[in-house]
Amino acid sequence: MDANENMKLWQYITTLSTGACAFILALALILIASSNKETSAKLQKQQEVINRGMQSHQVMIALAKDMGGAALNNSKMKELLAKNGFTVTQNANQEKK
């Protein structure tokens, strides 16, 4: 076979089809990767909101405990907590410390 011979029609169509498929798959990969980055960014933002909520919850618990401890010696604080639905009692474990 001579290297300068032209390709047969079926070889040309097969090669062209394979190249077109590779090009389309490369474009699809780029689009999917872009979509994944956007989804990942959205999920990261949601996770940050969840983490802030968890931190706020931990701060609220610590604040409530501190307010409850202060209410043991301060009747006005105890009234304020009772008005907002909190019952203050002294913990038996804390008395032993």
N, C-alpha and C. Protein backbone atom coordinates (compact mmCIF):
# COMPACT_ATOMS: atom_id res chain seq x y z
N MET A 1 0.82 -1.19 0.00
CA MET A 1 0.00 0.00 0.00
C MET A 1 0.86 1.24 0.00
N ASP A 2 0.48 2.18 -0.76
CA ASP A 2 1.21 3.44 -0.86
C ASP A 2 0.66 4.41 0.18
N ALA A 3 1.52 5.12 0.89
CA ALA A 3 1.11 6.05 1.94
C ALA A 3 0.33 7.23 1.39
N ASN A 4 0.42 7.50 0.12
CA ASN A 4 -0.26 8.65 -0.47
C ASN A 4 -1.66 8.32 -0.98
N GLU A 5 -2.11 7.08 -0.85
CA GLU A 5 -3.44 6.71 -1.30
C GLU A 5 -4.50 7.41 -0.47
N ASN A 6 -5.60 7.73 -1.10
CA ASN A 6 -6.73 8.33 -0.38
C ASN A 6 -7.46 7.27 0.43
N MET A 7 -8.12 7.74 1.49
CA MET A 7 -8.90 6.81 2.30
C MET A 7 -10.15 6.41 1.54
N LYS A 8 -10.61 5.22 1.83
CA LYS A 8 -11.88 4.78 1.25
C LYS A 8 -13.00 5.52 1.97
N LEU A 9 -14.16 5.57 1.37
CA LEU A 9 -15.28 6.32 1.92
C LEU A 9 -15.67 5.82 3.32
N TRP A 10 -15.73 4.52 3.50
CA TRP A 10 -16.13 3.99 4.80
C TRP A 10 -15.09 4.31 5.87
N GLN A 11 -13.81 4.35 5.51
CA GLN A 11 -12.77 4.72 6.46
C GLN A 11 -12.89 6.19 6.85
N TYR A 12 -13.17 7.02 5.87
CA TYR A 12 -13.34 8.45 6.12
C TYR A 12 -14.53 8.70 7.05
N ILE A 13 -15.65 8.05 6.78
CA ILE A 13 -16.86 8.22 7.60
C ILE A 13 -16.62 7.70 9.01
N THR A 14 -15.95 6.57 9.13
CA THR A 14 -15.65 6.01 10.46
C THR A 14 -14.75 6.94 11.25
N THR A 15 -13.71 7.45 10.62
CA THR A 15 -12.78 8.36 11.29
C THR A 15 -13.47 9.67 11.68
N LEU A 16 -14.26 10.20 10.77
CA LEU A 16 -14.99 11.44 11.04
C LEU A 16 -15.99 11.25 12.17
N SER A 17 -16.70 10.13 12.17
CA SER A 17 -17.68 9.84 13.22
C SER A 17 -17.00 9.69 14.58
N THR A 18 -15.89 8.98 14.60
CA THR A 18 -15.15 8.80 15.85
C THR A 18 -14.65 10.14 16.39
N GLY A 19 -14.12 10.98 15.52
CA GLY A 19 -13.66 12.30 15.94
C GLY A 19 -14.79 13.17 16.45
N ALA A 20 -15.95 13.11 15.75
CA ALA A 20 -17.12 13.90 16.17
C ALA A 20 -17.62 13.42 17.54
N CYS A 21 -17.65 12.10 17.74
CA CYS A 21 -18.07 11.56 19.04
C CYS A 21 -17.13 12.01 20.15
N ALA A 22 -15.85 11.98 19.90
CA ALA A 22 -14.87 12.40 20.90
C ALA A 22 -15.06 13.89 21.24
N PHE A 23 -15.31 14.70 20.23
CA PHE A 23 -15.53 16.13 20.43
C PHE A 23 -16.79 16.37 21.25
N ILE A 24 -17.87 15.68 20.92
CA ILE A 24 -19.13 15.83 21.66
C ILE A 24 -18.97 15.38 23.11
N LEU A 25 -18.28 14.26 23.32
CA LEU A 25 -18.05 13.78 24.69
C LEU A 25 -17.17 14.76 25.48
N ALA A 26 -16.21 15.37 24.84
CA ALA A 26 -15.37 16.36 25.53
C ALA A 26 -16.20 17.57 25.94
N LEU A 27 -17.09 18.02 25.05
CA LEU A 27 -17.98 19.14 25.41
C LEU A 27 -18.90 18.77 26.57
N ALA A 28 -19.45 17.55 26.52
CA ALA A 28 -20.33 17.09 27.60
C ALA A 28 -19.57 17.05 28.93
N LEU A 29 -18.34 16.59 28.88
CA LEU A 29 -17.53 16.55 30.10
C LEU A 29 -17.31 17.94 30.67
N ILE A 30 -17.05 18.91 29.82
CA ILE A 30 -16.84 20.29 30.26
C ILE A 30 -18.11 20.83 30.90
N LEU A 31 -19.27 20.57 30.28
CA LEU A 31 -20.54 21.05 30.83
C LEU A 31 -20.85 20.40 32.17
N ILE A 32 -20.61 19.11 32.28
CA ILE A 32 -20.87 18.40 33.54
C ILE A 32 -19.94 18.91 34.64
N ALA A 33 -18.69 19.13 34.32
CA ALA A 33 -17.74 19.64 35.32
C ALA A 33 -18.16 21.03 35.80
N SER A 34 -18.62 21.85 34.89
CA SER A 34 -19.08 23.19 35.26
C SER A 34 -20.31 23.10 36.16
N SER A 35 -21.21 22.23 35.82
CA SER A 35 -22.42 22.03 36.64
C SER A 35 -22.05 21.52 38.03
N ASN A 36 -21.09 20.62 38.10
CA ASN A 36 -20.65 20.08 39.40
C ASN A 36 -20.04 21.18 40.26
N LYS A 37 -19.29 22.10 39.67
CA LYS A 37 -18.70 23.19 40.44
C LYS A 37 -19.78 24.08 41.02
N GLU A 38 -20.81 24.38 40.22
CA GLU A 38 -21.91 25.21 40.71
C GLU A 38 -22.65 24.52 41.85
N THR A 39 -22.93 23.23 41.68
CA THR A 39 -23.62 22.47 42.72
C THR A 39 -22.77 22.40 43.98
N SER A 40 -21.50 22.19 43.82
CA SER A 40 -20.59 22.13 44.97
C SER A 40 -20.55 23.46 45.71
N ALA A 41 -20.54 24.56 44.98
CA ALA A 41 -20.54 25.89 45.62
C ALA A 41 -21.84 26.11 46.40
N LYS A 42 -22.97 25.70 45.83
CA LYS A 42 -24.26 25.84 46.53
C LYS A 42 -24.27 25.01 47.81
N LEU A 43 -23.78 23.78 47.71
CA LEU A 43 -23.76 22.91 48.88
C LEU A 43 -22.82 23.44 49.96
N GLN A 44 -21.72 24.04 49.55
CA GLN A 44 -20.79 24.61 50.51
C GLN A 44 -21.44 25.78 51.24
N LYS A 45 -22.18 26.61 50.52
CA LYS A 45 -22.88 27.73 51.17
C LYS A 45 -23.92 27.21 52.16
N GLN A 46 -24.65 26.17 51.78
CA GLN A 46 -25.63 25.58 52.68
C GLN A 46 -24.95 25.02 53.93
N GLN A 47 -23.82 24.37 53.75
CA GLN A 47 -23.10 23.82 54.89
C GLN A 47 -22.63 24.91 55.83
N GLU A 48 -22.19 26.04 55.27
CA GLU A 48 -21.76 27.17 56.10
C GLU A 48 -22.93 27.70 56.92
N VAL A 49 -24.12 27.77 56.33
CA VAL A 49 -25.31 28.23 57.06
C VAL A 49 -25.63 27.25 58.19
N ILE A 50 -25.54 25.96 57.90
CA ILE A 50 -25.80 24.94 58.92
C ILE A 50 -24.79 25.07 60.05
N ASN A 51 -23.52 25.25 59.71
CA ASN A 51 -22.48 25.38 60.74
C ASN A 51 -22.71 26.61 61.60
N ARG A 52 -23.10 27.74 60.97
CA ARG A 52 -23.39 28.94 61.76
C ARG A 52 -24.56 28.70 62.70
N GLY A 53 -25.57 27.98 62.22
CA GLY A 53 -26.73 27.66 63.05
C GLY A 53 -26.33 26.80 64.24
N MET A 54 -25.45 25.84 63.99
CA MET A 54 -24.99 24.98 65.09
C MET A 54 -24.19 25.78 66.11
N GLN A 55 -23.35 26.69 65.63
CA GLN A 55 -22.58 27.53 66.55
C GLN A 55 -23.50 28.43 67.35
N SER A 56 -24.52 28.98 66.69
CA SER A 56 -25.48 29.83 67.39
C SER A 56 -26.22 29.03 68.47
N HIS A 57 -26.55 27.79 68.12
CA HIS A 57 -27.24 26.93 69.09
C HIS A 57 -26.34 26.66 70.30
N GLN A 58 -25.07 26.40 70.06
CA GLN A 58 -24.14 26.15 71.17
C GLN A 58 -23.99 27.39 72.04
N VAL A 59 -23.93 28.56 71.40
CA VAL A 59 -23.83 29.81 72.16
C VAL A 59 -25.09 30.01 72.98
N MET A 60 -26.26 29.72 72.37
CA MET A 60 -27.52 29.88 73.09
C MET A 60 -27.57 28.97 74.32
N ILE A 61 -27.13 27.74 74.17
CA ILE A 61 -27.14 26.81 75.31
C ILE A 61 -26.22 27.33 76.42
N ALA A 62 -25.02 27.75 76.04
CA ALA A 62 -24.08 28.28 77.04
C ALA A 62 -24.65 29.52 77.72
N LEU A 63 -25.28 30.38 76.94
CA LEU A 63 -25.88 31.60 77.50
C LEU A 63 -27.02 31.26 78.44
N ALA A 64 -27.85 30.31 78.06
CA ALA A 64 -28.96 29.90 78.92
C ALA A 64 -28.44 29.31 80.23
N LYS A 65 -27.38 28.52 80.14
CA LYS A 65 -26.79 27.96 81.38
C LYS A 65 -26.24 29.06 82.27
N ASP A 66 -25.56 30.02 81.67
CA ASP A 66 -25.01 31.13 82.45
C ASP A 66 -26.11 31.97 83.07
N MET A 67 -27.16 32.21 82.30
CA MET A 67 -28.28 32.99 82.83
C MET A 67 -28.98 32.23 83.95
N GLY A 68 -29.09 30.91 83.77
CA GLY A 68 -29.68 30.09 84.82
C GLY A 68 -28.85 30.12 86.09
N GLY A 69 -27.52 30.07 85.92
CA GLY A 69 -26.64 30.16 87.10
C GLY A 69 -26.76 31.50 87.78
N ALA A 70 -26.87 32.56 86.99
CA ALA A 70 -27.03 33.89 87.58
C ALA A 70 -28.38 34.04 88.23
N ALA A 71 -29.40 33.36 87.69
CA ALA A 71 -30.75 33.46 88.24
C ALA A 71 -30.87 32.83 89.62
N LEU A 72 -29.96 31.92 89.96
CA LEU A 72 -30.01 31.30 91.29
C LEU A 72 -29.78 32.35 92.38
N ASN A 73 -29.01 33.38 92.07
CA ASN A 73 -28.71 34.41 93.06
C ASN A 73 -29.41 35.74 92.75
N ASN A 74 -30.17 35.81 91.66
CA ASN A 74 -30.78 37.06 91.25
C ASN A 74 -32.25 36.80 90.93
N SER A 75 -33.12 37.31 91.79
CA SER A 75 -34.56 37.04 91.62
C SER A 75 -35.12 37.69 90.36
N LYS A 76 -34.59 38.84 89.98
CA LYS A 76 -35.09 39.50 88.77
C LYS A 76 -34.75 38.67 87.52
N MET A 77 -33.57 38.11 87.51
CA MET A 77 -33.17 37.25 86.39
C MET A 77 -34.05 36.00 86.37
N LYS A 78 -34.34 35.45 87.53
CA LYS A 78 -35.18 34.27 87.61
C LYS A 78 -36.59 34.58 87.11
N GLU A 79 -37.12 35.75 87.46
CA GLU A 79 -38.44 36.17 86.98
C GLU A 79 -38.44 36.34 85.46
N LEU A 80 -37.39 36.95 84.94
CA LEU A 80 -37.28 37.15 83.50
C LEU A 80 -37.26 35.82 82.76
N LEU A 81 -36.49 34.88 83.27
CA LEU A 81 -36.43 33.57 82.64
C LEU A 81 -37.78 32.85 82.74
N ALA A 82 -38.43 32.94 83.89
CA ALA A 82 -39.73 32.30 84.08
C ALA A 82 -40.77 32.91 83.13
N LYS A 83 -40.69 34.22 82.93
CA LYS A 83 -41.63 34.91 82.04
C LYS A 83 -41.47 34.40 80.60
N ASN A 84 -40.26 33.97 80.24
CA ASN A 84 -40.00 33.49 78.89
C ASN A 84 -40.01 31.96 78.79
N GLY A 85 -40.52 31.29 79.82
CA GLY A 85 -40.73 29.86 79.73
C GLY A 85 -39.60 28.98 80.23
N PHE A 86 -38.64 29.56 80.95
CA PHE A 86 -37.53 28.77 81.47
C PHE A 86 -37.70 28.58 82.97
N THR A 87 -37.52 27.34 83.41
CA THR A 87 -37.58 27.04 84.83
C THR A 87 -36.16 26.83 85.33
N VAL A 88 -35.80 27.54 86.37
CA VAL A 88 -34.44 27.47 86.89
C VAL A 88 -34.44 26.63 88.16
N THR A 89 -33.62 25.57 88.13
CA THR A 89 -33.43 24.73 89.32
C THR A 89 -31.95 24.49 89.48
N GLN A 90 -31.55 24.28 90.72
CA GLN A 90 -30.13 24.04 90.97
C GLN A 90 -29.84 22.56 90.72
N ASN A 91 -28.80 22.28 89.97
CA ASN A 91 -28.43 20.93 89.61
C ASN A 91 -27.68 20.29 90.78
N ALA A 92 -28.06 19.05 91.14
CA ALA A 92 -27.43 18.35 92.26
C ALA A 92 -25.96 18.09 92.00
N ASN A 93 -25.57 17.86 90.75
CA ASN A 93 -24.18 17.61 90.40
C ASN A 93 -23.32 18.85 90.64
N GLN A 94 -23.88 20.02 90.43
CA GLN A 94 -23.13 21.25 90.62
C GLN A 94 -22.92 21.54 92.11
N GLU A 95 -23.85 21.09 92.94
CA GLU A 95 -23.71 21.32 94.38
C GLU A 95 -22.53 20.55 94.95
N LYS A 96 -22.24 19.37 94.42
CA LYS A 96 -21.16 18.52 94.93
C LYS A 96 -19.80 19.05 94.59
N LYS A 97 -19.67 19.87 93.56
CA LYS A 97 -18.36 20.37 93.11
C LYS A 97 -17.76 21.31 94.06
